[in-house]
Protein backbone atom coordinates (compact mmCIF):
# COMPACT_ATOMS: atom_id res chain seq x y z
CA UNK A 1 -0.06 0.06 0.05
CA UNK A 2 1.32 3.34 -0.94
CA UNK A 3 2.34 5.82 1.79
CA UNK A 4 -0.57 8.06 2.92
CA UNK A 5 -0.57 11.73 2.27
CA UNK A 6 0.21 13.54 5.58
CA UNK A 7 -3.21 15.40 5.52
CA UNK A 8 -5.00 12.06 5.17
CA UNK A 9 -3.00 10.58 7.94
CA UNK A 10 -3.74 13.39 10.34
CA UNK A 11 -7.38 13.04 9.56
CA UNK A 12 -7.36 9.09 10.22
CA UNK A 13 -5.40 9.46 13.40
CA UNK A 14 -7.87 11.88 14.62
CA UNK A 15 -10.71 9.58 13.95
CA UNK A 16 -8.94 6.50 14.96
CA UNK A 17 -6.50 6.94 17.62
CA UNK A 18 -3.48 4.56 17.30
CA UNK A 19 -4.50 3.50 13.53
CA UNK A 20 -1.12 4.28 12.15
CA UNK A 21 0.34 1.86 14.89
CA UNK A 22 -1.37 -0.94 13.03
CA UNK A 23 0.35 -2.36 9.74
CA UNK A 24 -1.70 -1.93 6.58
CA UNK A 25 -3.96 -4.86 5.48
CA UNK A 26 -3.84 -6.41 8.90
CA UNK A 27 -7.27 -6.90 10.42
CA UNK A 28 -9.03 -8.29 13.56
CA UNK A 29 -11.82 -10.92 13.10
CA UNK A 30 -12.87 -14.20 14.27
CA UNK A 31 -13.77 -17.92 13.14
CA UNK A 32 -17.27 -18.84 12.48
CA UNK A 33 -18.37 -22.55 11.99
CA UNK A 34 -20.57 -23.57 9.13
CA UNK A 35 -22.90 -25.77 10.97
CA UNK A 36 -25.37 -28.33 9.85
CA UNK A 37 -28.58 -28.78 11.94
CA UNK A 38 -30.63 -31.92 12.51
CA UNK A 39 -34.02 -31.19 12.95
CA UNK A 40 -37.43 -33.36 12.97
CA UNK A 41 -39.62 -33.23 9.70
CA UNK A 42 -42.64 -33.18 12.13
CA UNK A 43 -42.92 -31.90 15.65
CA UNK A 44 -43.23 -34.52 18.65
CA UNK A 45 -41.76 -35.48 22.11
CA UNK A 46 -38.30 -36.50 22.08
CA UNK A 47 -37.76 -40.06 23.19
CA UNK A 48 -34.11 -40.41 23.18
CA UNK A 49 -30.97 -38.39 22.63
CA UNK A 50 -28.22 -40.76 21.22
CA UNK A 51 -25.39 -38.34 21.17
CA UNK A 52 -23.69 -35.75 23.56
CA UNK A 53 -21.89 -32.57 22.78
CA UNK A 54 -18.21 -33.29 21.51
CA UNK A 55 -19.16 -36.66 20.16
CA UNK A 56 -17.89 -37.42 16.57
CA UNK A 57 -20.61 -39.03 14.67
CA UNK A 58 -20.56 -40.57 11.19
CA UNK A 59 -23.02 -39.53 8.51
CA UNK A 60 -26.11 -41.77 8.88
CA UNK A 61 -25.78 -42.44 12.47
CA UNK A 62 -28.64 -42.19 14.78
CA UNK A 63 -28.95 -38.76 16.41
CA UNK A 64 -32.24 -38.67 18.24
CA UNK A 65 -35.82 -40.24 18.07
CA UNK A 66 -39.13 -39.03 18.65
CA UNK A 67 -42.06 -41.04 20.26
CA UNK A 68 -43.78 -42.96 17.63
CA UNK A 69 -47.09 -44.49 19.13
CA UNK A 70 -49.40 -42.46 17.05
CA UNK A 71 -47.38 -42.84 13.87
CA UNK A 72 -47.37 -46.69 14.35
CA UNK A 73 -51.17 -46.63 14.86
CA UNK A 74 -51.59 -44.52 11.71
CA UNK A 75 -49.40 -47.10 9.67
CA UNK A 76 -51.52 -50.08 10.92
CA UNK A 77 -54.86 -48.28 10.04
CA UNK A 78 -53.48 -47.24 6.57
CA UNK A 79 -52.44 -50.89 5.97
CA UNK A 80 -55.84 -52.25 7.02
CA UNK A 81 -57.56 -49.87 4.47
CA UNK A 82 -55.28 -50.91 1.84
CA UNK A 83 -56.12 -54.70 2.51
CA UNK A 84 -59.95 -53.77 2.33
CA UNK A 85 -59.45 -51.93 -0.96
CA UNK A 86 -57.51 -54.56 -2.44
CA UNK A 87 -60.13 -57.33 -1.50
CA UNK A 88 -62.84 -55.19 -3.11
CA UNK A 89 -60.86 -54.79 -6.17
CA UNK A 90 -60.30 -58.51 -6.53
CA UNK A 91 -63.99 -59.20 -5.81
CA UNK A 92 -64.95 -56.86 -8.70
CA UNK A 93 -62.50 -58.32 -11.11
CA UNK A 94 -63.38 -61.93 -10.42
CA UNK A 95 -67.12 -61.54 -10.23
CA UNK A 96 -69.40 -62.62 -7.26
CA UNK A 97 -68.14 -65.25 -4.78
CA UNK A 98 -68.63 -68.98 -5.49
CA UNK A 99 -71.20 -69.26 -2.72
CA UNK A 100 -73.41 -66.47 -4.25
CA UNK A 101 -73.24 -68.23 -7.76
CA UNK A 102 -74.10 -71.48 -6.18
CA UNK A 103 -77.26 -70.21 -4.53
CA UNK A 104 -78.40 -68.58 -7.72
CA UNK A 105 -77.70 -71.87 -9.71
CA UNK A 106 -79.54 -73.95 -7.06
CA UNK A 107 -82.71 -71.49 -7.30
CA UNK A 108 -82.47 -71.78 -11.10
CA UNK A 109 -82.56 -75.57 -11.14
CA UNK A 110 -85.60 -75.47 -8.97
CA UNK A 111 -87.51 -72.89 -11.09
CA UNK A 112 -86.64 -75.15 -14.21
CA UNK A 113 -88.22 -78.11 -12.33
CA UNK A 114 -91.20 -76.07 -11.36
CA UNK A 115 -91.63 -75.00 -15.09
CA UNK A 116 -91.52 -78.43 -16.17
CA UNK A 117 -94.32 -79.41 -13.79
CA UNK A 118 -96.25 -76.63 -14.70
CA UNK A 119 -95.93 -77.39 -18.43
CA UNK A 120 -96.99 -80.96 -17.76
CA UNK A 121 -100.09 -79.91 -15.89
CA UNK A 122 -101.06 -77.52 -18.75
CA UNK A 123 -100.51 -80.17 -21.36
CA UNK A 124 -102.70 -82.56 -19.23
CA UNK A 125 -105.52 -79.88 -18.74
CA UNK A 126 -105.54 -78.95 -22.32
CA UNK A 127 -106.19 -82.80 -23.34
CA UNK A 128 -108.94 -82.91 -20.84
CA UNK A 129 -110.34 -79.61 -22.15
CA UNK A 130 -110.58 -81.47 -25.61
CA UNK A 131 -112.47 -84.18 -24.19
CA UNK A 132 -114.84 -81.98 -22.10
CA UNK A 133 -113.45 -83.28 -18.92
CA UNK A 134 -112.14 -79.85 -17.43
CA UNK A 135 -113.00 -76.27 -17.81
CA UNK A 136 -111.39 -73.36 -19.66
CA UNK A 137 -110.80 -71.54 -16.42
CA UNK A 138 -108.72 -74.49 -15.25
CA UNK A 139 -106.61 -74.43 -18.47
CA UNK A 140 -106.16 -70.70 -17.96
CA UNK A 141 -104.83 -71.16 -14.56
CA UNK A 142 -102.36 -73.77 -15.66
CA UNK A 143 -101.37 -71.28 -18.37
CA UNK A 144 -100.53 -68.69 -15.87
CA UNK A 145 -98.61 -71.05 -13.81
CA UNK A 146 -96.35 -71.94 -16.71
CA UNK A 147 -95.92 -68.12 -17.56
CA UNK A 148 -94.94 -67.48 -13.92
CA UNK A 149 -92.45 -70.24 -13.77
CA UNK A 150 -90.84 -69.16 -17.17
CA UNK A 151 -90.58 -65.83 -15.83
CA UNK A 152 -88.71 -67.01 -12.81
CA UNK A 153 -86.35 -69.07 -14.93
CA UNK A 154 -85.65 -66.11 -17.23
CA UNK A 155 -84.91 -63.78 -14.12
CA UNK A 156 -82.59 -66.34 -12.55
CA UNK A 157 -80.65 -67.05 -15.66
CA UNK A 158 -80.10 -63.36 -15.99
CA UNK A 159 -78.88 -63.17 -12.39
CA UNK A 160 -76.53 -65.96 -12.85
CA UNK A 161 -75.07 -64.44 -15.98
CA UNK A 162 -74.43 -61.06 -14.01
CA UNK A 163 -72.95 -62.87 -11.12
CA UNK A 164 -70.57 -64.71 -13.23
CA UNK A 165 -69.33 -61.62 -14.94
CA UNK A 166 -66.71 -59.12 -13.77
CA UNK A 167 -67.82 -55.52 -12.77
CA UNK A 168 -68.34 -53.03 -15.13
CA UNK A 169 -65.19 -51.00 -16.27
CA UNK A 170 -66.29 -47.87 -14.37
CA UNK A 171 -66.67 -49.68 -11.10
CA UNK A 172 -63.29 -51.53 -11.60
CA UNK A 173 -61.32 -48.30 -12.39
CA UNK A 174 -62.85 -46.61 -9.18
CA UNK A 175 -61.87 -49.63 -7.17
CA UNK A 176 -58.40 -49.63 -8.67
CA UNK A 177 -58.02 -45.84 -7.93
CA UNK A 178 -59.14 -46.61 -4.31
CA UNK A 179 -56.48 -49.18 -4.02
CA UNK A 180 -53.88 -46.64 -5.26
CA UNK A 181 -55.08 -44.08 -2.82
CA UNK A 182 -54.93 -46.50 -0.05
CA UNK A 183 -51.26 -47.51 -1.00
CA UNK A 184 -50.12 -44.03 -0.96
CA UNK A 185 -51.55 -43.44 2.53
CA UNK A 186 -49.57 -46.51 3.58
CA UNK A 187 -46.27 -45.18 2.05
CA UNK A 188 -47.20 -41.63 3.73
CA UNK A 189 -47.57 -43.39 7.17
CA UNK A 190 -44.41 -45.39 6.84
CA UNK A 191 -42.54 -42.28 5.82
CA UNK A 192 -43.90 -40.35 8.86
CA UNK A 193 -42.96 -43.39 11.04
CA UNK A 194 -39.40 -43.41 9.58
CA UNK A 195 -39.22 -39.58 10.10
CA UNK A 196 -39.46 -40.17 13.87
CA UNK A 197 -35.70 -41.29 13.87
CA UNK A 198 -33.27 -38.55 12.60
CA UNK A 199 -29.99 -39.49 11.41
CA UNK A 200 -26.65 -37.47 10.90
CA UNK A 201 -26.92 -35.80 7.41
CA UNK A 202 -23.21 -35.33 7.60
CA UNK A 203 -20.01 -36.57 9.34
CA UNK A 204 -18.85 -34.12 11.97
CA UNK A 205 -18.72 -33.09 15.69
CA UNK A 206 -21.73 -32.62 17.88
CA UNK A 207 -21.33 -28.93 18.68
CA UNK A 208 -24.69 -28.24 20.72
CA UNK A 209 -27.70 -30.29 21.83
CA UNK A 210 -30.54 -28.14 22.18
CA UNK A 211 -33.27 -30.46 23.53
CA UNK A 212 -33.22 -33.26 26.33
CA UNK A 213 -35.25 -36.38 26.29
CA UNK A 214 -38.99 -35.75 27.10
CA UNK A 215 -39.14 -32.21 25.74
CA UNK A 216 -41.23 -31.41 22.77
CA UNK A 217 -39.35 -30.32 19.43
CA UNK A 218 -41.38 -28.41 16.94
CA UNK A 219 -41.13 -29.23 13.20
CA UNK A 220 -37.91 -27.99 11.80
CA UNK A 221 -36.51 -26.96 15.00
CA UNK A 222 -32.90 -27.83 15.41
CA UNK A 223 -32.26 -30.50 17.92
CA UNK A 224 -28.45 -31.08 17.34
CA UNK A 225 -25.90 -28.95 15.71
CA UNK A 226 -23.04 -30.76 13.79
CA UNK A 227 -19.69 -28.99 12.70
CA UNK A 228 -18.46 -31.09 9.67
CA UNK A 229 -14.55 -31.15 9.45
CA UNK A 230 -13.01 -28.22 7.62
CA UNK A 231 -16.12 -26.19 7.63
CA UNK A 232 -14.59 -22.91 9.12
CA UNK A 233 -15.01 -19.40 7.89
CA UNK A 234 -12.93 -16.39 8.87
CA UNK A 235 -14.89 -13.12 9.25
CA UNK A 236 -13.10 -9.99 9.34
CA UNK A 237 -13.84 -6.25 8.32
CA UNK A 238 -11.90 -3.92 6.16
CA UNK A 239 -12.18 -0.19 5.77
CA UNK A 240 -13.52 1.24 2.62
CA UNK A 241 -10.26 2.57 1.24
CA UNK A 242 -8.77 -1.01 1.24
CA UNK A 243 -11.68 -2.94 0.25
CA UNK A 244 -10.96 -2.50 -3.53
CA UNK A 245 -7.56 -4.15 -3.24
CA UNK A 246 -9.11 -7.45 -2.24
CA UNK A 247 -10.89 -9.92 -4.61
CA UNK A 248 -12.69 -13.31 -4.19
CA UNK A 249 -9.87 -16.11 -4.41
CA UNK A 250 -7.36 -14.04 -2.71
CA UNK A 251 -5.53 -16.08 0.00
CA UNK A 252 -4.80 -14.31 3.43
CA UNK A 253 -2.63 -15.42 6.32
CA UNK A 254 -4.22 -16.13 9.72
CA UNK A 255 -2.94 -16.23 13.22
CA UNK A 256 -4.42 -16.85 16.55
CA UNK A 257 -3.51 -17.80 20.07
CA UNK A 258 -2.76 -21.51 20.37
CA UNK A 259 -3.12 -21.96 16.53
CA UNK A 260 -0.72 -23.94 14.42
CA UNK A 261 1.47 -21.72 12.40
CA UNK A 262 0.95 -21.14 8.66
CA UNK A 263 -2.99 -20.93 8.62
CA UNK A 264 -4.50 -19.31 5.65
CA UNK A 265 -7.89 -18.69 4.11
CA UNK A 266 -9.30 -18.06 0.80
CA UNK A 267 -11.81 -15.17 0.41
CA UNK A 268 -15.08 -16.27 -0.87
CA UNK A 269 -17.28 -13.24 -0.51
CA UNK A 270 -16.79 -9.53 -0.07
CA UNK A 271 -19.99 -7.57 1.12
CA UNK A 272 -21.16 -4.99 -1.42
CA UNK A 273 -22.58 -2.75 1.23
CA UNK A 274 -21.02 -1.54 4.56
CA UNK A 275 -21.90 -4.07 7.28
CA UNK A 276 -21.35 -1.37 9.87
CA UNK A 277 -22.36 2.10 9.33
CA UNK A 278 -22.38 4.62 12.19
CA UNK A 279 -24.66 7.52 12.08
CA UNK A 280 -22.27 9.74 10.02
CA UNK A 281 -22.49 12.04 6.75
CA UNK A 282 -21.24 10.38 3.78
CA UNK A 283 -18.57 13.04 2.84
CA UNK A 284 -14.96 12.10 1.69
CA UNK A 285 -13.67 13.03 5.10
CA UNK A 286 -16.03 10.49 6.74
CA UNK A 287 -15.52 7.58 4.44
CA UNK A 288 -12.74 6.02 6.46
CA UNK A 289 -15.29 5.11 8.98
CA UNK A 290 -17.14 2.67 6.63
CA UNK A 291 -16.08 -0.94 7.06
CA UNK A 292 -17.04 -3.94 4.86
CA UNK A 293 -17.50 -7.80 5.97
CA UNK A 294 -15.43 -10.16 4.27
CA UNK A 295 -15.73 -14.01 4.41
CA UNK A 296 -12.88 -16.33 3.68
CA UNK A 297 -12.82 -20.19 3.88
CA UNK A 298 -10.21 -21.35 6.28
CA UNK A 299 -7.94 -24.05 4.46
CA UNK A 300 -6.87 -26.82 6.66
CA UNK A 301 -8.49 -25.35 10.02
CA UNK A 302 -6.38 -27.72 12.49
CA UNK A 303 -6.88 -26.55 16.07
CA UNK A 304 -9.23 -23.51 15.05
CA UNK A 305 -12.48 -23.39 17.01
CA UNK A 306 -15.71 -21.40 16.22
CA UNK A 307 -15.70 -18.01 17.83
CA UNK A 308 -12.01 -17.74 18.14
CA UNK A 309 -10.39 -14.29 17.69
CA UNK A 310 -7.96 -14.12 14.86
CA UNK A 311 -5.59 -11.65 13.04
CA UNK A 312 -5.96 -11.63 9.32
CA UNK A 313 -2.95 -10.49 7.30
CA UNK A 314 -3.74 -9.60 3.68
CA UNK A 315 -0.62 -7.69 2.68
CA UNK A 316 0.67 -10.77 0.69
CA UNK A 317 -2.53 -10.97 -1.40
CA UNK A 318 -2.57 -7.15 -2.07
CA UNK A 319 1.12 -7.35 -3.28
CA UNK A 320 0.28 -10.09 -5.93
């Protein structure tokens, strides 16, 4: 960075006492962890917490479980409705049950026997009428009996034919749709039951457990936070007159108490607007009080902890 004009140095020194004692492009900041949160898809009472703060967990490991009595009952109910819908569809697809058709067939046989008897009586009465041994009224009664028996046979033959046929297409389609709807309800109930157990979405360290067993967690409320390895961001603020010298992709040096030497971070984002704006007038003389937030991904963050204060040296990045 070029030397500041004396008049500008005086102004900056008046605004920020001790500013000139700080090397250029060296800033104070802190480390922020990029946490992943484990939360339930639906609310409920927590039955078990399977991890403790500080534990290292692998992706897919059980984190916590909610009570599942109601969801298990809902699954059983959905499975029963599916079985009922499938039975109805099968019944419509194959026609009436064998027992029902057997009853109709037996009734039809009886009706045919009755028709034969009525026909025999009518024939005998007609013969007697020709000999003058009976009356026309008797013949008419016998004819009515034959007609009645014939109607019964015709009706039962039609019933048997219908009973042996599958249901109409519209009924079968409606029943098939009912089966699909019931199957979807089973899938939904099974998914809800599976969601009562929450597994680690990533490999990492358990940073914070927000609930205890017996407490009620709302849908989407974080129960456990996980810090995946290497997911650290260095946050620092630069004054307006130095912001233009830094760009995404620049590598800056980091240092902190107790940290390994040689830490670095790659700038990933520079704020386009001031992140801290005191109540000042935007004059040329006051611009030095504007600062901009910068985020940099820490490279190989061994020994670095979230919230840890750091010193950022961007001089090497500016000189490149």
